[in-house]
Protein backbone atom coordinates (compact mmCIF):
# COMPACT_ATOMS: atom_id res chain seq x y z
CA UNK A 1 28.22 62.91 -9.16
CA UNK A 2 30.34 59.99 -7.93
CA UNK A 3 29.92 56.68 -9.70
CA UNK A 4 28.39 53.83 -7.67
CA UNK A 5 30.38 50.72 -7.06
CA UNK A 6 29.27 47.83 -9.33
CA UNK A 7 28.53 45.44 -6.46
CA UNK A 8 26.34 48.06 -4.78
CA UNK A 9 24.35 48.58 -7.97
CA UNK A 10 23.92 44.81 -8.40
CA UNK A 11 22.70 44.49 -4.83
CA UNK A 12 20.19 47.32 -5.21
CA UNK A 13 18.78 45.88 -8.44
CA UNK A 14 18.06 42.62 -6.67
CA UNK A 15 16.34 44.32 -3.77
CA UNK A 16 19.06 43.63 -1.26
CA UNK A 17 20.70 40.23 -1.27
CA UNK A 18 20.39 38.39 -4.58
CA UNK A 19 18.12 35.38 -4.87
CA UNK A 20 20.95 33.24 -6.22
CA UNK A 21 23.08 34.10 -3.20
CA UNK A 22 20.29 33.15 -0.79
CA UNK A 23 19.74 29.81 -2.52
CA UNK A 24 23.49 29.18 -2.65
CA UNK A 25 23.69 29.56 1.13
CA UNK A 26 20.55 27.44 1.67
CA UNK A 27 19.82 25.34 -1.42
CA UNK A 28 17.04 23.43 0.33
CA UNK A 29 14.75 26.48 0.20
CA UNK A 30 15.20 26.71 -3.55
CA UNK A 31 14.54 23.00 -3.98
CA UNK A 32 11.37 23.23 -1.88
CA UNK A 33 10.11 26.17 -3.94
CA UNK A 34 10.86 24.29 -7.16
CA UNK A 35 9.03 21.21 -5.87
CA UNK A 36 6.01 23.33 -4.97
CA UNK A 37 5.82 24.70 -8.50
CA UNK A 38 6.32 21.20 -9.94
CA UNK A 39 3.49 19.77 -7.80
CA UNK A 40 1.22 22.63 -8.88
CA UNK A 41 2.10 21.97 -12.51
CA UNK A 42 1.53 18.22 -12.20
CA UNK A 43 -1.86 18.63 -10.52
CA UNK A 44 -3.01 21.15 -13.12
CA UNK A 45 -1.73 18.93 -15.91
CA UNK A 46 -3.56 15.90 -14.51
CA UNK A 47 -6.74 17.95 -14.28
CA UNK A 48 -6.31 19.16 -17.86
CA UNK A 49 -5.87 15.53 -18.99
CA UNK A 50 -9.03 14.50 -17.08
CA UNK A 51 -7.02 12.20 -14.82
CA UNK A 52 -8.35 14.08 -11.82
CA UNK A 53 -11.39 16.30 -11.56
CA UNK A 54 -11.05 20.07 -11.82
CA UNK A 55 -13.04 20.19 -8.60
CA UNK A 56 -10.41 18.02 -6.87
CA UNK A 57 -7.06 19.28 -8.19
CA UNK A 58 -6.50 21.56 -5.20
CA UNK A 59 -6.99 18.64 -2.81
CA UNK A 60 -4.14 16.76 -4.46
CA UNK A 61 -2.08 19.93 -4.48
CA UNK A 62 -2.37 20.49 -0.74
CA UNK A 63 -1.52 16.84 -0.10
CA UNK A 64 1.57 17.34 -2.27
CA UNK A 65 2.49 20.48 -0.33
CA UNK A 66 2.19 18.57 2.91
CA UNK A 67 4.48 15.84 1.61
CA UNK A 68 7.01 18.45 0.45
CA UNK A 69 6.98 20.06 3.91
CA UNK A 70 7.63 16.69 5.55
CA UNK A 71 10.47 15.96 3.12
CA UNK A 72 12.00 19.33 3.93
CA UNK A 73 11.78 18.58 7.65
CA UNK A 74 13.50 15.23 7.15
CA UNK A 75 16.25 16.72 5.00
CA UNK A 76 16.91 19.56 7.41
CA UNK A 77 16.91 17.19 10.35
CA UNK A 78 19.48 14.90 8.71
CA UNK A 79 21.70 17.74 7.40
CA UNK A 80 23.22 19.68 10.32
CA UNK A 81 24.55 22.40 8.00
CA UNK A 82 20.99 23.36 7.02
CA UNK A 83 19.24 22.58 10.29
CA UNK A 84 16.87 25.14 11.76
CA UNK A 85 13.67 24.99 13.79
CA UNK A 86 11.12 23.12 11.70
CA UNK A 87 8.33 22.27 14.13
CA UNK A 88 5.89 24.64 12.43
CA UNK A 89 6.67 23.13 9.03
CA UNK A 90 6.16 19.63 10.44
CA UNK A 91 2.76 20.53 11.87
CA UNK A 92 1.77 22.34 8.67
CA UNK A 93 2.77 19.35 6.55
CA UNK A 94 0.79 16.91 8.65
CA UNK A 95 -2.24 19.17 8.70
CA UNK A 96 -2.14 19.75 4.93
CA UNK A 97 -1.95 16.03 4.25
CA UNK A 98 -4.81 15.28 6.63
CA UNK A 99 -7.01 18.05 5.28
CA UNK A 100 -6.37 17.02 1.66
CA UNK A 101 -7.14 13.37 2.37
CA UNK A 102 -10.19 14.33 4.42
CA UNK A 103 -11.62 16.37 1.54
CA UNK A 104 -10.88 13.62 -0.98
CA UNK A 105 -12.67 10.88 0.92
CA UNK A 106 -15.28 12.95 2.74
CA UNK A 107 -14.51 15.36 5.57
CA UNK A 108 -17.41 14.19 7.69
CA UNK A 109 -15.59 11.10 8.88
CA UNK A 110 -11.95 12.08 8.44
CA UNK A 111 -11.63 15.52 10.04
CA UNK A 112 -10.45 14.06 13.39
CA UNK A 113 -7.23 13.07 11.61
CA UNK A 114 -6.24 16.72 11.80
CA UNK A 115 -6.30 16.47 15.59
CA UNK A 116 -4.29 13.25 15.43
CA UNK A 117 -1.71 14.93 13.18
CA UNK A 118 -1.30 17.90 15.50
CA UNK A 119 -1.04 15.60 18.52
CA UNK A 120 1.63 13.44 16.82
CA UNK A 121 3.56 16.53 15.76
CA UNK A 122 3.62 17.79 19.33
CA UNK A 123 4.77 14.37 20.57
CA UNK A 124 7.56 14.22 17.98
CA UNK A 125 8.64 17.72 18.90
CA UNK A 126 8.81 16.89 22.58
CA UNK A 127 10.57 13.55 22.03
CA UNK A 128 13.08 14.91 19.53
CA UNK A 129 13.67 18.03 21.60
CA UNK A 130 14.86 15.97 24.57
CA UNK A 131 17.73 14.38 22.65
């Protein structure tokens, strides 16, 4: 039986293209994933230290995710080498922040902020798309 080439074996073990190669081509994705894990760890740590309630940790986490999404959008917008369509990520970030804040302070009066966030995201998309 013929021996496989080493690079082929390495590629198969990784399930196709290696994770390190993907993150080398687009390091922003790796940074975003790392930030997500860090935010999860921080929120769980704060809950374990009784700095935030165990009932509320997920609210802070989704606010953190929303902020990370917005940071990613800004970085990708300012770095042409890593630019790609990010409208969905922008809308998701705004919605996550609004939902998290709404649950923290009481959704009864804050839920319309979600509509405001979606409306602003659409406006930004239209205005930035015309450049």
